Amino acid sequence: MEVKLREKIAYGLGDAASSMFWKLFSMYLLFFYTDVFGISAVAAGTMFLITRIWDAFVDPVVGVMADRTSTKWGKFRPFLLWMIIPFGVMGVLTFTTPGFGETGKLIYAYVTYGLMMMVYSFINVPYASLLGVMSADPATRTELSSYRMTFAFGGSILVLLLVEPLVKLFGGADPTGQITNQAFGWTMTAIVFAVIAGTMFYATFAWTRERVKPIKEGNNSFADDLNDLKNNNAWWILLGAGIAALIFNSIRDGAAVYYFKYYVDKQQTLSSTLSLTTIYLVLGQIANIVGIIFVTPISNQIGKKMTYLGSMAIATMLSIAFYFMSPANV
């Protein structure tokens, strides 16, 4: 059966929803925790490390659970429906500032962010698996992947463009342009994104179909599946590379807002609502799109492994270059 345009768009909307919150977390959450929420950078960074390493082990478990799910809606689509409300609620709670002391706030941050990452896995892993059962045709799957990537970058750019204006709108600003109630501004902004993301996920659930029935080879138990992973050396290598890449991206992305606020002249803005931080982050997403275009031809020439290693080496050198730039090198 042919996959119609509406279904392709619906599938793309799922990654737009995921990317909105992922970009919000990766670019702004550390800044929120230190400058709005009120915990130290060391405490927040330690929490990110612990929860994300744990999350790396949660993902394959969620995949095994989804593979064993059987409902009238299929294996993977039900998770999109079941997790919409938890996804939105935890996203909002993560960007909510309670009136606790330092220890209470740190506990609150661990609980809300840890649960948010688990919910993210429960909705994102089945969403990624959905591609394999929407069509058996390789060409159609490739086209669906293109829709997914296009919408993912669209969701990321939407967040990066709207975050600062929304926080200013809801938080209010004094005559000097300083936000008067950042905590409220961030919570309301998270609510807006939660509603948008929830609507997108529901469209993905409602407008997509699972047509391919995965072939079941044997009756392995859940423990057998986990044991297969434990003895899979290639999986451990990729897991290590994935964790290292997450740490690298978290440091680089999380430092961007601080870099412009505390190092680059904060008065250098292009308009009252579009700061240098926003321009920098949006240009980064555009560069990602260009990179995606070159992935296939380059990897066809030198292989995926060398493309990955070479790209990480270049990214490392370019990141180091920021250390030697002056605030005037906009």
C-alpha atoms as a PDB file:
ATOM      1  CA  MET A   1       0.000   0.000   0.000  1.00  0.00           C
ATOM      2  CA  GLU A   2       1.271   3.438  -0.939  1.00  0.00           C
ATOM      3  CA  VAL A   3       2.222   5.851   1.839  1.00  0.00           C
ATOM      4  CA  LYS A   4       0.381   9.088   1.068  1.00  0.00           C
ATOM      5  CA  LEU A   5       1.696  12.620   1.598  1.00  0.00           C
ATOM      6  CA  ARG A   6      -0.306  13.229   4.783  1.00  0.00           C
ATOM      7  CA  GLU A   7       1.232  10.164   6.401  1.00  0.00           C
ATOM      8  CA  LYS A   8       4.746  11.223   5.407  1.00  0.00           C
ATOM      9  CA  ILE A   9       4.148  14.648   6.920  1.00  0.00           C
ATOM     10  CA  ALA A  10       2.652  13.061  10.035  1.00  0.00           C
ATOM     11  CA  TYR A  11       5.746  10.890  10.467  1.00  0.00           C
ATOM     12  CA  GLY A  12       7.979  13.950  10.099  1.00  0.00           C
ATOM     13  CA  LEU A  13       5.968  15.821  12.750  1.00  0.00           C
ATOM     14  CA  GLY A  14       6.993  13.198  15.311  1.00  0.00           C
ATOM     15  CA  ASP A  15      10.674  14.089  15.009  1.00  0.00           C
ATOM     16  CA  ALA A  16       9.822  17.796  14.962  1.00  0.00           C
ATOM     17  CA  ALA A  17       8.166  17.285  18.362  1.00  0.00           C
ATOM     18  CA  SER A  18      11.118  15.307  19.750  1.00  0.00           C
ATOM     19  CA  SER A  19      13.657  17.791  18.401  1.00  0.00           C
ATOM     20  CA  MET A  20      11.850  20.750  19.945  1.00  0.00           C
ATOM     21  CA  PHE A  21      12.339  19.473  23.477  1.00  0.00           C
ATOM     22  CA  TRP A  22      15.767  17.971  22.801  1.00  0.00           C
ATOM     23  CA  LYS A  23      16.993  21.318  21.505  1.00  0.00           C
ATOM     24  CA  LEU A  24      15.406  23.106  24.455  1.00  0.00           C
ATOM     25  CA  PHE A  25      17.275  20.778  26.828  1.00  0.00           C
ATOM     26  CA  SER A  26      20.625  20.725  25.046  1.00  0.00           C
ATOM     27  CA  MET A  27      20.877  24.468  24.451  1.00  0.00           C
ATOM     28  CA  TYR A  28      19.078  26.086  27.382  1.00  0.00           C
ATOM     29  CA  LEU A  29      18.552  23.699  30.311  1.00  0.00           C
ATOM     30  CA  LEU A  30      22.011  24.138  31.878  1.00  0.00           C
ATOM     31  CA  PHE A  31      21.607  27.930  31.661  1.00  0.00           C
ATOM     32  CA  PHE A  32      18.126  27.625  33.182  1.00  0.00           C
ATOM     33  CA  TYR A  33      19.419  25.512  36.081  1.00  0.00           C
ATOM     34  CA  THR A  34      22.273  27.885  36.963  1.00  0.00           C
ATOM     35  CA  ASP A  35      20.888  31.356  36.167  1.00  0.00           C
ATOM     36  CA  VAL A  36      17.158  30.878  36.818  1.00  0.00           C
ATOM     37  CA  PHE A  37      16.589  27.727  38.865  1.00  0.00           C
ATOM     38  CA  GLY A  38      19.521  28.436  41.174  1.00  0.00           C
ATOM     39  CA  ILE A  39      21.842  25.416  41.416  1.00  0.00           C
ATOM     40  CA  SER A  40      25.567  25.337  40.697  1.00  0.00           C
ATOM     41  CA  ALA A  41      27.016  24.448  37.303  1.00  0.00           C
ATOM     42  CA  VAL A  42      28.964  21.577  38.902  1.00  0.00           C
ATOM     43  CA  ALA A  43      25.803  20.066  40.412  1.00  0.00           C
ATOM     44  CA  ALA A  44      23.858  20.468  37.162  1.00  0.00           C
ATOM     45  CA  GLY A  45      26.683  19.025  35.059  1.00  0.00           C
ATOM     46  CA  THR A  46      27.051  16.013  37.356  1.00  0.00           C
ATOM     47  CA  MET A  47      23.297  15.417  37.122  1.00  0.00           C
ATOM     48  CA  PHE A  48      23.415  15.548  33.311  1.00  0.00           C
ATOM     49  CA  LEU A  49      26.254  13.020  33.229  1.00  0.00           C
ATOM     50  CA  ILE A  50      24.552  10.554  35.574  1.00  0.00           C
ATOM     51  CA  THR A  51      21.104  10.755  33.994  1.00  0.00           C
ATOM     52  CA  ARG A  52      22.357  10.551  30.405  1.00  0.00           C
ATOM     53  CA  ILE A  53      24.598   7.552  31.056  1.00  0.00           C
ATOM     54  CA  TRP A  54      21.600   5.864  32.688  1.00  0.00           C
ATOM     55  CA  ASP A  55      19.459   6.885  29.710  1.00  0.00           C
ATOM     56  CA  ALA A  56      21.895   5.178  27.343  1.00  0.00           C
ATOM     57  CA  PHE A  57      20.964   1.873  29.010  1.00  0.00           C
ATOM     58  CA  VAL A  58      17.240   2.702  29.159  1.00  0.00           C
ATOM     59  CA  ASP A  59      16.915   3.106  25.378  1.00  0.00           C
ATOM     60  CA  PRO A  60      17.611  -0.547  24.419  1.00  0.00           C
ATOM     61  CA  VAL A  61      15.310  -1.749  27.220  1.00  0.00           C
ATOM     62  CA  VAL A  62      12.508   0.429  25.850  1.00  0.00           C
ATOM     63  CA  GLY A  63      13.203  -0.997  22.381  1.00  0.00           C
ATOM     64  CA  VAL A  64      12.840  -4.549  23.661  1.00  0.00           C
ATOM     65  CA  MET A  65       9.607  -3.638  25.477  1.00  0.00           C
ATOM     66  CA  ALA A  66       8.145  -1.979  22.375  1.00  0.00           C
ATOM     67  CA  ASP A  67       9.057  -4.994  20.246  1.00  0.00           C
ATOM     68  CA  ARG A  68       7.022  -7.160  22.621  1.00  0.00           C
ATOM     69  CA  THR A  69       3.991  -4.859  22.609  1.00  0.00           C
ATOM     70  CA  SER A  70       0.911  -5.941  20.675  1.00  0.00           C
ATOM     71  CA  THR A  71      -2.245  -3.786  20.451  1.00  0.00           C
ATOM     72  CA  LYS A  72      -4.938  -2.979  17.904  1.00  0.00           C
ATOM     73  CA  TRP A  73      -2.830   0.059  16.955  1.00  0.00           C
ATOM     74  CA  GLY A  74       0.344  -1.969  16.431  1.00  0.00           C
ATOM     75  CA  LYS A  75       3.615  -2.220  18.352  1.00  0.00           C
ATOM     76  CA  PHE A  76       5.048   1.280  18.277  1.00  0.00           C
ATOM     77  CA  ARG A  77       2.244   3.783  17.640  1.00  0.00           C
ATOM     78  CA  PRO A  78       0.568   3.174  21.039  1.00  0.00           C
ATOM     79  CA  PHE A  79       3.615   4.576  22.841  1.00  0.00           C
ATOM     80  CA  LEU A  80       3.134   7.880  21.028  1.00  0.00           C
ATOM     81  CA  LEU A  81      -0.419   8.102  22.387  1.00  0.00           C
ATOM     82  CA  TRP A  82       0.368   6.859  25.899  1.00  0.00           C
ATOM     83  CA  MET A  83       3.349   9.173  26.393  1.00  0.00           C
ATOM     84  CA  ILE A  84       1.939  12.470  25.062  1.00  0.00           C
ATOM     85  CA  ILE A  85       0.697  13.729  28.424  1.00  0.00           C
ATOM     86  CA  PRO A  86       3.683  12.459  30.492  1.00  0.00           C
ATOM     87  CA  PHE A  87       6.019  13.991  27.880  1.00  0.00           C
ATOM     88  CA  GLY A  88       4.374  17.413  28.102  1.00  0.00           C
ATOM     89  CA  VAL A  89       3.917  17.380  31.884  1.00  0.00           C
ATOM     90  CA  MET A  90       7.517  16.369  32.611  1.00  0.00           C
ATOM     91  CA  GLY A  91       8.800  18.918  30.111  1.00  0.00           C
ATOM     92  CA  VAL A  92       6.938  21.692  31.935  1.00  0.00           C
ATOM     93  CA  LEU A  93       7.965  20.442  35.401  1.00  0.00           C
ATOM     94  CA  THR A  94      11.604  20.348  34.272  1.00  0.00           C
ATOM     95  CA  PHE A  95      11.395  24.076  33.536  1.00  0.00           C
ATOM     96  CA  THR A  96       9.487  24.906  36.731  1.00  0.00           C
ATOM     97  CA  THR A  97      11.267  26.549  39.683  1.00  0.00           C
ATOM     98  CA  PRO A  98       9.954  25.366  43.090  1.00  0.00           C
ATOM     99  CA  GLY A  99      10.404  27.390  46.246  1.00  0.00           C
ATOM    100  CA  PHE A 100      12.802  24.881  47.839  1.00  0.00           C
ATOM    101  CA  GLY A 101      16.224  25.290  49.384  1.00  0.00           C
ATOM    102  CA  GLU A 102      19.414  24.333  47.549  1.00  0.00           C
ATOM    103  CA  THR A 103      19.226  20.640  48.474  1.00  0.00           C
ATOM    104  CA  GLY A 104      15.507  20.448  47.720  1.00  0.00           C
ATOM    105  CA  LYS A 105      16.023  22.071  44.327  1.00  0.00           C
ATOM    106  CA  LEU A 106      18.810  19.636  43.466  1.00  0.00           C
ATOM    107  CA  ILE A 107      16.635  16.647  44.373  1.00  0.00           C
ATOM    108  CA  TYR A 108      13.762  18.146  42.367  1.00  0.00           C
ATOM    109  CA  ALA A 109      16.087  18.622  39.363  1.00  0.00           C
ATOM    110  CA  TYR A 110      17.323  15.010  39.533  1.00  0.00           C
ATOM    111  CA  VAL A 111      13.791  13.612  39.773  1.00  0.00           C
ATOM    112  CA  THR A 112      12.171  15.759  37.070  1.00  0.00           C
ATOM    113  CA  TYR A 113      15.035  15.622  34.572  1.00  0.00           C
ATOM    114  CA  GLY A 114      15.595  11.894  35.154  1.00  0.00           C
ATOM    115  CA  LEU A 115      11.904  11.156  34.605  1.00  0.00           C
ATOM    116  CA  MET A 116      11.834  13.459  31.582  1.00  0.00           C
ATOM    117  CA  MET A 117      14.672  11.549  29.941  1.00  0.00           C
ATOM    118  CA  MET A 118      12.936   8.239  30.637  1.00  0.00           C
ATOM    119  CA  VAL A 119       9.671   9.526  29.144  1.00  0.00           C
ATOM    120  CA  TYR A 120      11.662  10.863  26.187  1.00  0.00           C
ATOM    121  CA  SER A 121      13.034   7.351  25.600  1.00  0.00           C
ATOM    122  CA  PHE A 122       9.572   5.808  25.883  1.00  0.00           C
ATOM    123  CA  ILE A 123       8.234   8.057  23.134  1.00  0.00           C
ATOM    124  CA  ASN A 124      11.300   8.543  20.937  1.00  0.00           C
ATOM    125  CA  VAL A 125      12.576   4.951  20.649  1.00  0.00           C
ATOM    126  CA  PRO A 126       9.196   3.557  19.462  1.00  0.00           C
ATOM    127  CA  TYR A 127       8.881   6.552  17.133  1.00  0.00           C
ATOM    128  CA  ALA A 128      12.244   5.745  15.544  1.00  0.00           C
ATOM    129  CA  SER A 129      11.232   2.073  15.235  1.00  0.00           C
ATOM    130  CA  LEU A 130       7.980   3.050  13.519  1.00  0.00           C
ATOM    131  CA  LEU A 131       9.847   3.723  10.271  1.00  0.00           C
ATOM    132  CA  GLY A 132      10.628   0.025   9.830  1.00  0.00           C
ATOM    133  CA  VAL A 133       6.972  -1.049   9.907  1.00  0.00           C
ATOM    134  CA  MET A 134       5.333   1.721   7.887  1.00  0.00           C
ATOM    135  CA  SER A 135       6.539   0.321   4.570  1.00  0.00           C
ATOM    136  CA  ALA A 136       8.574  -2.602   3.256  1.00  0.00           C
ATOM    137  CA  ASP A 137       9.768  -0.574   0.269  1.00  0.00           C
ATOM    138  CA  PRO A 138      13.354   0.733   0.740  1.00  0.00           C
ATOM    139  CA  ALA A 139      12.693   3.787  -1.454  1.00  0.00           C
ATOM    140  CA  THR A 140       9.658   4.736   0.625  1.00  0.00           C
ATOM    141  CA  ARG A 141      11.639   4.324   3.838  1.00  0.00           C
ATOM    142  CA  THR A 142      14.362   6.580   2.481  1.00  0.00           C
ATOM    143  CA  GLU A 143      11.749   9.188   1.603  1.00  0.00           C
ATOM    144  CA  LEU A 144      10.223   8.916   5.081  1.00  0.00           C
ATOM    145  CA  SER A 145      13.685   9.412   6.582  1.00  0.00           C
ATOM    146  CA  SER A 146      14.058  12.586   4.529  1.00  0.00           C
ATOM    147  CA  TYR A 147      10.753  13.892   5.851  1.00  0.00           C
ATOM    148  CA  ARG A 148      11.864  13.013   9.366  1.00  0.00           C
ATOM    149  CA  MET A 149      15.137  14.916   9.085  1.00  0.00           C
ATOM    150  CA  THR A 150      13.570  17.923   7.427  1.00  0.00           C
ATOM    151  CA  PHE A 151      10.920  18.238  10.130  1.00  0.00           C
ATOM    152  CA  ALA A 152      13.472  17.606  12.891  1.00  0.00           C
ATOM    153  CA  PHE A 153      15.546  20.574  11.794  1.00  0.00           C
ATOM    154  CA  GLY A 154      12.368  22.604  11.372  1.00  0.00           C
ATOM    155  CA  GLY A 155      11.343  21.859  14.971  1.00  0.00           C
ATOM    156  CA  SER A 156      14.809  22.760  16.236  1.00  0.00           C
ATOM    157  CA  ILE A 157      14.874  26.074  14.374  1.00  0.00           C
ATOM    158  CA  LEU A 158      11.349  26.886  15.610  1.00  0.00           C
ATOM    159  CA  VAL A 159      12.462  26.475  19.234  1.00  0.00           C
ATOM    160  CA  LEU A 160      15.669  28.461  18.785  1.00  0.00           C
ATOM    161  CA  LEU A 161      13.781  31.333  17.174  1.00  0.00           C
ATOM    162  CA  LEU A 162      10.966  31.437  19.735  1.00  0.00           C
ATOM    163  CA  VAL A 163      12.633  30.716  23.096  1.00  0.00           C
ATOM    164  CA  GLU A 164      13.967  34.181  23.882  1.00  0.00           C
ATOM    165  CA  PRO A 165      10.929  36.130  22.582  1.00  0.00           C
ATOM    166  CA  LEU A 166       8.531  33.871  24.525  1.00  0.00           C
ATOM    167  CA  VAL A 167      10.514  34.097  27.776  1.00  0.00           C
ATOM    168  CA  LYS A 168      10.538  37.893  27.427  1.00  0.00           C
ATOM    169  CA  LEU A 169       6.825  37.953  26.591  1.00  0.00           C
ATOM    170  CA  PHE A 170       5.733  35.851  29.574  1.00  0.00           C
ATOM    171  CA  GLY A 171       8.425  37.025  31.987  1.00  0.00           C
ATOM    172  CA  GLY A 172       7.937  40.726  31.346  1.00  0.00           C
ATOM    173  CA  ALA A 173      10.715  43.263  30.928  1.00  0.00           C
ATOM    174  CA  ASP A 174      11.695  46.430  32.808  1.00  0.00           C
ATOM    175  CA  PRO A 175      12.640  49.706  31.045  1.00  0.00           C
ATOM    176  CA  THR A 176      16.233  48.464  30.619  1.00  0.00           C
ATOM    177  CA  GLY A 177      15.063  45.324  28.832  1.00  0.00           C
ATOM    178  CA  GLN A 178      15.847  42.941  31.717  1.00  0.00           C
ATOM    179  CA  ILE A 179      13.325  40.138  32.260  1.00  0.00           C
ATOM    180  CA  THR A 180      11.511  40.702  35.570  1.00  0.00           C
ATOM    181  CA  ASN A 181      10.218  37.150  36.192  1.00  0.00           C
ATOM    182  CA  GLN A 182      12.409  34.663  34.348  1.00  0.00           C
ATOM    183  CA  ALA A 183      11.137  31.633  36.268  1.00  0.00           C
ATOM    184  CA  PHE A 184       7.529  32.245  35.191  1.00  0.00           C
ATOM    185  CA  GLY A 185       8.659  33.115  31.675  1.00  0.00           C
ATOM    186  CA  TRP A 186      10.498  29.798  31.264  1.00  0.00           C
ATOM    187  CA  THR A 187       7.630  27.734  32.679  1.00  0.00           C
ATOM    188  CA  MET A 188       5.080  29.344  30.360  1.00  0.00           C
ATOM    189  CA  THR A 189       7.434  28.928  27.400  1.00  0.00           C
ATOM    190  CA  ALA A 190       7.760  25.210  28.207  1.00  0.00           C
ATOM    191  CA  ILE A 191       3.951  24.957  28.311  1.00  0.00           C
ATOM    192  CA  VAL A 192       3.705  26.460  24.817  1.00  0.00           C
ATOM    193  CA  PHE A 193       6.231  23.982  23.434  1.00  0.00           C
ATOM    194  CA  ALA A 194       4.571  21.084  25.290  1.00  0.00           C
ATOM    195  CA  VAL A 195       1.218  21.857  23.650  1.00  0.00           C
ATOM    196  CA  ILE A 196       2.791  22.139  20.192  1.00  0.00           C
ATOM    197  CA  ALA A 197       4.825  18.924  20.630  1.00  0.00           C
ATOM    198  CA  GLY A 198       1.844  17.027  22.030  1.00  0.00           C
ATOM    199  CA  THR A 199      -0.287  18.028  19.055  1.00  0.00           C
ATOM    200  CA  MET A 200       2.441  16.881  16.662  1.00  0.00           C
ATOM    201  CA  PHE A 201       2.831  13.512  18.392  1.00  0.00           C
ATOM    202  CA  TYR A 202      -0.917  12.939  18.288  1.00  0.00           C
ATOM    203  CA  ALA A 203      -0.925  13.665  14.542  1.00  0.00           C
ATOM    204  CA  THR A 204       1.872  11.089  14.122  1.00  0.00           C
ATOM    205  CA  PHE A 205      -0.134   8.519  16.076  1.00  0.00           C
ATOM    206  CA  ALA A 206      -3.433   9.236  14.294  1.00  0.00           C
ATOM    207  CA  TRP A 207      -2.220   9.574  10.707  1.00  0.00           C
ATOM    208  CA  THR A 208       0.426   6.833  10.424  1.00  0.00           C
ATOM    209  CA  ARG A 209      -0.081   3.084  10.016  1.00  0.00           C
ATOM    210  CA  GLU A 210       1.979  -0.024  10.804  1.00  0.00           C
ATOM    211  CA  ARG A 211       1.823  -2.251   7.715  1.00  0.00           C
ATOM    212  CA  VAL A 212       4.862  -4.516   8.050  1.00  0.00           C
ATOM    213  CA  LYS A 213       4.670  -7.369  10.526  1.00  0.00           C
ATOM    214  CA  PRO A 214       8.172  -8.028  11.932  1.00  0.00           C
ATOM    215  CA  ILE A 215       9.339 -11.621  11.570  1.00  0.00           C
ATOM    216  CA  LYS A 216       9.603 -13.295  14.951  1.00  0.00           C
ATOM    217  CA  GLU A 217      12.642 -15.560  15.076  1.00  0.00           C
ATOM    218  CA  GLY A 218      12.288 -17.921  18.014  1.00  0.00           C
ATOM    219  CA  ASN A 219      10.884 -17.183  21.451  1.00  0.00           C
ATOM    220  CA  ASN A 220      13.764 -15.491  23.215  1.00  0.00           C
ATOM    221  CA  SER A 221      13.053 -14.128  26.671  1.00  0.00           C
ATOM    222  CA  PHE A 222      13.630 -10.542  27.747  1.00  0.00           C
ATOM    223  CA  ALA A 223      16.736 -11.706  29.630  1.00  0.00           C
ATOM    224  CA  ASP A 224      18.039 -13.410  26.459  1.00  0.00           C
ATOM    225  CA  ASP A 225      17.701 -10.154  24.527  1.00  0.00           C
ATOM    226  CA  LEU A 226      19.640  -8.255  27.205  1.00  0.00           C
ATOM    227  CA  ASN A 227      22.288 -10.977  27.254  1.00  0.00           C
ATOM    228  CA  ASP A 228      22.689 -10.640  23.481  1.00  0.00           C
ATOM    229  CA  LEU A 229      23.418  -6.954  23.970  1.00  0.00           C
ATOM    230  CA  LYS A 230      25.869  -7.674  26.805  1.00  0.00           C
ATOM    231  CA  ASN A 231      27.925  -9.944  24.527  1.00  0.00           C
ATOM    232  CA  ASN A 232      27.752  -7.646  21.492  1.00  0.00           C
ATOM    233  CA  ASN A 233      31.161  -5.939  21.381  1.00  0.00           C
ATOM    234  CA  ALA A 234      30.206  -3.685  18.466  1.00  0.00           C
ATOM    235  CA  TRP A 235      27.210  -2.409  20.454  1.00  0.00           C
ATOM    236  CA  TRP A 236      29.437  -1.530  23.421  1.00  0.00           C
ATOM    237  CA  ILE A 237      31.840   0.352  21.141  1.00  0.00           C
ATOM    238  CA  LEU A 238      28.980   2.334  19.596  1.00  0.00           C
ATOM    239  CA  LEU A 239      27.507   2.931  23.058  1.00  0.00           C
ATOM    240  CA  GLY A 240      30.821   4.382  24.208  1.00  0.00           C
ATOM    241  CA  ALA A 241      31.059   6.549  21.102  1.00  0.00           C
ATOM    242  CA  GLY A 242      27.476   7.689  21.639  1.00  0.00           C
ATOM    243  CA  ILE A 243      28.120   8.669  25.272  1.00  0.00           C
ATOM    244  CA  ALA A 244      31.311  10.501  24.274  1.00  0.00           C
ATOM    245  CA  ALA A 245      29.446  12.368  21.527  1.00  0.00           C
ATOM    246  CA  LEU A 246      26.671  13.284  23.983  1.00  0.00           C
ATOM    247  CA  ILE A 247      29.216  14.687  26.438  1.00  0.00           C
ATOM    248  CA  PHE A 248      30.950  16.617  23.654  1.00  0.00           C
ATOM    249  CA  ASN A 249      27.684  18.059  22.343  1.00  0.00           C
ATOM    250  CA  SER A 250      26.399  18.834  25.824  1.00  0.00           C
ATOM    251  CA  ILE A 251      29.501  20.821  26.715  1.00  0.00           C
ATOM    252  CA  ARG A 252      29.559  22.701  23.422  1.00  0.00           C
ATOM    253  CA  ASP A 253      25.835  23.381  23.176  1.00  0.00           C
ATOM    254  CA  GLY A 254      25.357  24.085  26.877  1.00  0.00           C
ATOM    255  CA  ALA A 255      28.176  26.643  26.855  1.00  0.00           C
ATOM    256  CA  ALA A 256      26.764  28.654  23.931  1.00  0.00           C
ATOM    257  CA  VAL A 257      24.331  30.790  25.953  1.00  0.00           C
ATOM    258  CA  TYR A 258      26.981  31.524  28.609  1.00  0.00           C
ATOM    259  CA  TYR A 259      29.535  32.298  25.893  1.00  0.00           C
ATOM    260  CA  PHE A 260      27.421  35.112  24.510  1.00  0.00           C
ATOM    261  CA  LYS A 261      25.994  36.357  27.799  1.00  0.00           C
ATOM    262  CA  TYR A 262      29.219  36.542  29.794  1.00  0.00           C
ATOM    263  CA  TYR A 263      31.995  36.713  27.193  1.00  0.00           C
ATOM    264  CA  VAL A 264      30.722  38.351  24.021  1.00  0.00           C
ATOM    265  CA  ASP A 265      29.442  41.917  24.525  1.00  0.00           C
ATOM    266  CA  LYS A 266      25.825  41.348  25.509  1.00  0.00           C
ATOM    267  CA  GLN A 267      24.862  44.765  24.112  1.00  0.00           C
ATOM    268  CA  GLN A 268      25.657  43.605  20.582  1.00  0.00           C
ATOM    269  CA  THR A 269      22.168  42.577  19.511  1.00  0.00           C
ATOM    270  CA  LEU A 270      20.610  42.668  16.071  1.00  0.00           C
ATOM    271  CA  SER A 271      17.182  43.543  17.473  1.00  0.00           C
ATOM    272  CA  SER A 272      15.345  43.613  20.770  1.00  0.00           C
ATOM    273  CA  THR A 273      14.032  40.070  20.314  1.00  0.00           C
ATOM    274  CA  LEU A 274      16.720  38.409  18.201  1.00  0.00           C
ATOM    275  CA  SER A 275      20.005  38.153  20.114  1.00  0.00           C
ATOM    276  CA  LEU A 276      23.392  37.005  18.935  1.00  0.00           C
ATOM    277  CA  THR A 277      22.805  33.745  20.803  1.00  0.00           C
ATOM    278  CA  THR A 278      19.686  33.050  18.749  1.00  0.00           C
ATOM    279  CA  ILE A 279      21.432  33.931  15.476  1.00  0.00           C
ATOM    280  CA  TYR A 280      24.395  31.710  16.372  1.00  0.00           C
ATOM    281  CA  LEU A 281      22.223  28.717  17.276  1.00  0.00           C
ATOM    282  CA  VAL A 282      19.958  29.048  14.222  1.00  0.00           C
ATOM    283  CA  LEU A 283      22.989  29.297  11.916  1.00  0.00           C
ATOM    284  CA  GLY A 284      24.280  26.121  13.584  1.00  0.00           C
ATOM    285  CA  GLN A 285      21.083  24.303  12.627  1.00  0.00           C
ATOM    286  CA  ILE A 286      21.361  25.539   9.051  1.00  0.00           C
ATOM    287  CA  ALA A 287      24.950  24.237   8.998  1.00  0.00           C
ATOM    288  CA  ASN A 288      23.611  20.879  10.243  1.00  0.00           C
ATOM    289  CA  ILE A 289      21.268  20.736   7.267  1.00  0.00           C
ATOM    290  CA  VAL A 290      24.183  21.407   4.899  1.00  0.00           C
ATOM    291  CA  GLY A 291      26.180  18.678   6.663  1.00  0.00           C
ATOM    292  CA  ILE A 292      23.374  16.172   6.218  1.00  0.00           C
ATOM    293  CA  ILE A 293      23.376  16.864   2.479  1.00  0.00           C
ATOM    294  CA  PHE A 294      27.070  15.944   2.263  1.00  0.00           C
ATOM    295  CA  VAL A 295      26.912  12.839   4.489  1.00  0.00           C
ATOM    296  CA  THR A 296      25.903  10.380   1.770  1.00  0.00           C
ATOM    297  CA  PRO A 297      28.387  11.396  -0.964  1.00  0.00           C
ATOM    298  CA  ILE A 298      31.293  11.640   1.484  1.00  0.00           C
ATOM    299  CA  SER A 299      30.535   8.349   3.258  1.00  0.00           C
ATOM    300  CA  ASN A 300      30.167   6.659  -0.137  1.00  0.00           C
ATOM    301  CA  GLN A 301      33.725   7.752  -0.926  1.00  0.00           C
ATOM    302  CA  ILE A 302      35.560   7.091   2.342  1.00  0.00           C
ATOM    303  CA  GLY A 303      33.123   4.975   4.385  1.00  0.00           C
ATOM    304  CA  LYS A 304      30.860   5.782   7.315  1.00  0.00           C
ATOM    305  CA  LYS A 305      33.489   5.066   9.966  1.00  0.00           C
ATOM    306  CA  MET A 306      36.063   7.455   8.485  1.00  0.00           C
ATOM    307  CA  THR A 307      33.381  10.075   7.868  1.00  0.00           C
ATOM    308  CA  TYR A 308      32.412   9.916  11.549  1.00  0.00           C
ATOM    309  CA  LEU A 309      35.998   9.973  12.852  1.00  0.00           C
ATOM    310  CA  GLY A 310      37.026  12.767  10.496  1.00  0.00           C
ATOM    311  CA  SER A 311      33.976  14.871  11.328  1.00  0.00           C
ATOM    312  CA  MET A 312      34.556  14.510  15.077  1.00  0.00           C
ATOM    313  CA  ALA A 313      38.223  15.489  14.650  1.00  0.00           C
ATOM    314  CA  ILE A 314      37.267  18.619  12.701  1.00  0.00           C
ATOM    315  CA  ALA A 315      34.532  19.480  15.228  1.00  0.00           C
ATOM    316  CA  THR A 316      37.093  19.158  18.026  1.00  0.00           C
ATOM    317  CA  MET A 317      39.544  21.542  16.343  1.00  0.00           C
ATOM    318  CA  LEU A 318      36.811  24.071  15.578  1.00  0.00           C
ATOM    319  CA  SER A 319      35.597  23.948  19.185  1.00  0.00           C
ATOM    320  CA  ILE A 320      39.131  24.567  20.483  1.00  0.00           C
ATOM    321  CA  ALA A 321      39.352  27.583  18.160  1.00  0.00           C
ATOM    322  CA  PHE A 322      36.666  29.353  20.215  1.00  0.00           C
ATOM    323  CA  TYR A 323      39.111  29.600  23.114  1.00  0.00           C
ATOM    324  CA  PHE A 324      41.405  31.887  21.096  1.00  0.00           C
ATOM    325  CA  MET A 325      38.705  34.285  19.858  1.00  0.00           C
ATOM    326  CA  SER A 326      38.183  37.723  21.394  1.00  0.00           C
ATOM    327  CA  PRO A 327      34.697  39.048  22.254  1.00  0.00           C
ATOM    328  CA  ALA A 328      34.945  41.293  19.199  1.00  0.00           C
ATOM    329  CA  ASN A 329      35.263  38.352  16.769  1.00  0.00           C
ATOM    330  CA  VAL A 330      31.496  38.105  16.231  1.00  0.00           C
END
